N, C-alpha and C. Protein backbone atom coordinates (compact mmCIF):
# COMPACT_ATOMS: atom_id res chain seq x y z
N MET A 1 -2.99 7.66 8.37
CA MET A 1 -2.72 8.06 7.02
C MET A 1 -3.36 7.05 6.09
N ILE A 2 -3.85 7.51 4.97
CA ILE A 2 -4.51 6.65 3.98
C ILE A 2 -3.54 6.38 2.83
N ILE A 3 -3.40 5.10 2.50
CA ILE A 3 -2.51 4.66 1.43
C ILE A 3 -3.35 3.98 0.36
N GLU A 4 -3.07 4.32 -0.90
CA GLU A 4 -3.70 3.63 -2.03
C GLU A 4 -2.71 2.61 -2.55
N ILE A 5 -3.18 1.39 -2.73
CA ILE A 5 -2.34 0.35 -3.33
C ILE A 5 -2.85 0.14 -4.74
N GLU A 6 -2.01 0.47 -5.71
CA GLU A 6 -2.34 0.28 -7.13
C GLU A 6 -1.72 -1.01 -7.61
N SER A 7 -2.51 -1.82 -8.30
CA SER A 7 -1.95 -3.05 -8.87
C SER A 7 -2.82 -3.54 -10.02
N TYR A 8 -2.28 -4.50 -10.71
CA TYR A 8 -2.98 -5.16 -11.80
C TYR A 8 -4.27 -5.81 -11.29
N TYR A 9 -4.27 -6.22 -10.02
CA TYR A 9 -5.40 -6.94 -9.44
C TYR A 9 -6.50 -6.02 -8.94
N GLY A 10 -6.28 -4.72 -8.98
CA GLY A 10 -7.27 -3.76 -8.53
C GLY A 10 -6.69 -2.84 -7.47
N ASN A 11 -7.31 -1.68 -7.30
CA ASN A 11 -6.83 -0.71 -6.34
C ASN A 11 -7.52 -0.91 -4.99
N THR A 12 -6.78 -0.60 -3.93
CA THR A 12 -7.27 -0.78 -2.57
C THR A 12 -6.84 0.41 -1.74
N LEU A 13 -7.64 0.76 -0.76
CA LEU A 13 -7.27 1.79 0.22
C LEU A 13 -7.04 1.12 1.57
N ILE A 14 -5.96 1.52 2.24
CA ILE A 14 -5.70 1.01 3.58
C ILE A 14 -5.34 2.17 4.50
N SER A 15 -5.55 1.95 5.76
CA SER A 15 -5.18 2.93 6.78
C SER A 15 -3.96 2.39 7.50
N VAL A 16 -2.90 3.20 7.55
CA VAL A 16 -1.64 2.73 8.15
C VAL A 16 -1.07 3.77 9.10
N LYS A 17 -0.22 3.29 9.99
CA LYS A 17 0.58 4.17 10.83
C LYS A 17 2.04 3.87 10.51
N VAL A 18 2.70 4.81 9.88
CA VAL A 18 4.12 4.68 9.58
C VAL A 18 4.82 5.99 9.94
N ARG A 19 6.10 5.87 10.24
CA ARG A 19 6.87 7.06 10.61
C ARG A 19 7.25 7.90 9.40
N ASN A 20 7.57 7.23 8.28
CA ASN A 20 8.01 7.96 7.09
C ASN A 20 7.88 7.07 5.86
N ILE A 21 8.16 7.65 4.70
CA ILE A 21 8.01 6.91 3.44
C ILE A 21 9.03 5.77 3.35
N GLY A 22 10.18 5.94 3.97
CA GLY A 22 11.19 4.88 3.98
C GLY A 22 10.70 3.63 4.69
N GLN A 23 10.03 3.81 5.82
CA GLN A 23 9.48 2.68 6.55
C GLN A 23 8.41 1.97 5.71
N LEU A 24 7.60 2.75 5.01
CA LEU A 24 6.57 2.17 4.15
C LEU A 24 7.20 1.37 3.01
N LYS A 25 8.26 1.90 2.40
CA LYS A 25 8.96 1.18 1.32
C LYS A 25 9.57 -0.12 1.84
N ASN A 26 10.19 -0.07 3.02
CA ASN A 26 10.79 -1.28 3.59
C ASN A 26 9.75 -2.35 3.85
N ARG A 27 8.61 -1.95 4.38
CA ARG A 27 7.54 -2.90 4.65
C ARG A 27 6.99 -3.49 3.36
N MET A 28 6.84 -2.65 2.33
CA MET A 28 6.36 -3.13 1.03
C MET A 28 7.31 -4.19 0.48
N MET A 29 8.61 -3.91 0.47
CA MET A 29 9.58 -4.84 -0.10
C MET A 29 9.68 -6.12 0.72
N LYS A 30 9.52 -6.03 2.03
CA LYS A 30 9.54 -7.23 2.87
C LYS A 30 8.44 -8.19 2.45
N ILE A 31 7.23 -7.68 2.27
CA ILE A 31 6.10 -8.53 1.89
C ILE A 31 6.28 -9.06 0.47
N ILE A 32 6.73 -8.21 -0.45
CA ILE A 32 6.93 -8.67 -1.84
C ILE A 32 7.99 -9.76 -1.89
N ASN A 33 9.08 -9.59 -1.16
CA ASN A 33 10.15 -10.60 -1.16
C ASN A 33 9.70 -11.91 -0.52
N GLU A 34 8.88 -11.84 0.51
CA GLU A 34 8.44 -13.05 1.20
C GLU A 34 7.27 -13.75 0.52
N PHE A 35 6.31 -12.96 0.00
CA PHE A 35 5.06 -13.56 -0.49
C PHE A 35 4.72 -13.24 -1.94
N GLY A 36 5.41 -12.28 -2.55
CA GLY A 36 5.08 -11.87 -3.91
C GLY A 36 3.99 -10.81 -3.91
N ALA A 37 3.62 -10.38 -5.10
CA ALA A 37 2.64 -9.29 -5.23
C ALA A 37 1.21 -9.78 -5.43
N ASP A 38 1.02 -11.08 -5.66
CA ASP A 38 -0.33 -11.60 -5.96
C ASP A 38 -1.33 -11.34 -4.84
N ASN A 39 -0.98 -11.62 -3.62
CA ASN A 39 -1.87 -11.42 -2.47
C ASN A 39 -1.28 -10.39 -1.53
N PHE A 40 -0.66 -9.37 -2.09
CA PHE A 40 0.07 -8.37 -1.31
C PHE A 40 -0.80 -7.73 -0.23
N VAL A 41 -1.98 -7.28 -0.57
CA VAL A 41 -2.83 -6.55 0.37
C VAL A 41 -3.14 -7.43 1.58
N ASP A 42 -3.51 -8.68 1.36
CA ASP A 42 -3.84 -9.57 2.46
C ASP A 42 -2.65 -9.75 3.41
N PHE A 43 -1.50 -10.10 2.85
CA PHE A 43 -0.32 -10.34 3.68
C PHE A 43 0.18 -9.05 4.34
N PHE A 44 0.13 -7.94 3.62
CA PHE A 44 0.59 -6.65 4.13
C PHE A 44 -0.26 -6.23 5.34
N CYS A 45 -1.56 -6.35 5.21
CA CYS A 45 -2.46 -5.93 6.29
C CYS A 45 -2.38 -6.87 7.49
N ILE A 46 -2.26 -8.15 7.26
CA ILE A 46 -2.14 -9.11 8.37
C ILE A 46 -0.81 -8.91 9.10
N GLN A 47 0.26 -8.78 8.35
CA GLN A 47 1.60 -8.65 8.94
C GLN A 47 1.72 -7.40 9.82
N PHE A 48 1.15 -6.28 9.36
CA PHE A 48 1.36 -5.01 10.04
C PHE A 48 0.10 -4.45 10.70
N GLY A 49 -1.01 -5.18 10.66
CA GLY A 49 -2.23 -4.77 11.35
C GLY A 49 -2.92 -3.56 10.75
N PHE A 50 -2.94 -3.45 9.43
CA PHE A 50 -3.59 -2.33 8.77
C PHE A 50 -5.04 -2.66 8.47
N ASN A 51 -5.84 -1.62 8.29
CA ASN A 51 -7.26 -1.77 7.97
C ASN A 51 -7.49 -1.49 6.49
N VAL A 52 -8.36 -2.30 5.86
CA VAL A 52 -8.71 -2.13 4.45
C VAL A 52 -10.05 -1.41 4.36
N TYR A 53 -10.15 -0.48 3.41
CA TYR A 53 -11.39 0.28 3.20
C TYR A 53 -11.85 0.11 1.76
N PRO A 54 -13.14 0.26 1.51
CA PRO A 54 -13.63 0.20 0.12
C PRO A 54 -12.95 1.28 -0.72
N TYR A 55 -12.59 0.92 -1.93
CA TYR A 55 -11.89 1.86 -2.80
C TYR A 55 -12.83 2.96 -3.26
N ASP A 56 -12.33 4.19 -3.21
CA ASP A 56 -13.06 5.36 -3.69
C ASP A 56 -12.04 6.29 -4.32
N GLU A 57 -12.14 6.48 -5.62
CA GLU A 57 -11.14 7.28 -6.33
C GLU A 57 -11.17 8.76 -5.95
N HIS A 58 -12.19 9.19 -5.23
CA HIS A 58 -12.29 10.60 -4.84
C HIS A 58 -11.61 10.91 -3.51
N ILE A 59 -11.17 9.88 -2.81
CA ILE A 59 -10.48 10.09 -1.53
C ILE A 59 -9.04 10.53 -1.81
N ILE A 60 -8.63 11.57 -1.12
CA ILE A 60 -7.25 12.06 -1.25
C ILE A 60 -6.38 11.21 -0.34
N VAL A 61 -5.36 10.58 -0.93
CA VAL A 61 -4.49 9.69 -0.17
C VAL A 61 -3.17 10.37 0.14
N ASP A 62 -2.51 9.86 1.18
CA ASP A 62 -1.21 10.41 1.58
C ASP A 62 -0.06 9.84 0.74
N TYR A 63 -0.14 8.53 0.45
CA TYR A 63 0.89 7.87 -0.36
C TYR A 63 0.24 6.83 -1.25
N VAL A 64 0.98 6.44 -2.28
CA VAL A 64 0.55 5.38 -3.19
C VAL A 64 1.64 4.32 -3.23
N ILE A 65 1.23 3.06 -3.08
CA ILE A 65 2.13 1.93 -3.30
C ILE A 65 1.76 1.37 -4.66
N ASP A 66 2.69 1.43 -5.61
CA ASP A 66 2.45 0.92 -6.95
C ASP A 66 3.11 -0.45 -7.08
N LEU A 67 2.31 -1.50 -7.11
CA LEU A 67 2.84 -2.86 -7.17
C LEU A 67 3.30 -3.27 -8.55
N ASP A 68 2.97 -2.48 -9.56
CA ASP A 68 3.45 -2.79 -10.91
C ASP A 68 4.90 -2.35 -11.08
N THR A 69 5.30 -1.29 -10.38
CA THR A 69 6.67 -0.76 -10.50
C THR A 69 7.44 -0.86 -9.19
N TYR A 70 6.81 -1.34 -8.13
CA TYR A 70 7.42 -1.46 -6.80
C TYR A 70 7.93 -0.11 -6.29
N GLN A 71 7.10 0.90 -6.42
CA GLN A 71 7.46 2.24 -5.95
C GLN A 71 6.43 2.73 -4.96
N VAL A 72 6.89 3.61 -4.07
CA VAL A 72 6.02 4.30 -3.12
C VAL A 72 6.24 5.78 -3.37
N TYR A 73 5.13 6.52 -3.54
CA TYR A 73 5.28 7.96 -3.81
C TYR A 73 4.12 8.73 -3.21
N LYS A 74 4.35 10.03 -3.05
CA LYS A 74 3.32 10.95 -2.57
C LYS A 74 2.66 11.57 -3.79
N PRO A 75 1.36 11.36 -3.99
CA PRO A 75 0.70 11.90 -5.18
C PRO A 75 0.58 13.42 -5.09
N ILE A 76 0.54 14.05 -6.24
CA ILE A 76 0.36 15.51 -6.34
C ILE A 76 -1.07 15.77 -6.81
N TYR A 77 -1.79 16.55 -6.04
CA TYR A 77 -3.17 16.86 -6.38
C TYR A 77 -3.29 18.28 -6.88
C-alpha cells in the first residue's frame, strides 16, 4: 500500500504493509512520541522497514499521514 506523508517539511511517499488504519495510526503516534515530527519519515521508515519513493502528486495513495494535525485518513478521489 502507498502512503503519502504530508508535513511542513515536504510531502513523501512510502510503501508500507499494515493490517489496518488503526495499526498505521499507532505506529505514527509511537514515532511522534519518541522522536517528534521533525525527522518523522527517517525514523518511521527505519523503525518499521518501509521504503521511500520520490514524491509524485499524480500517484493515487491508499492513506495519508498528516503530520501537521497528527491524523491518518483515506483520501477521496
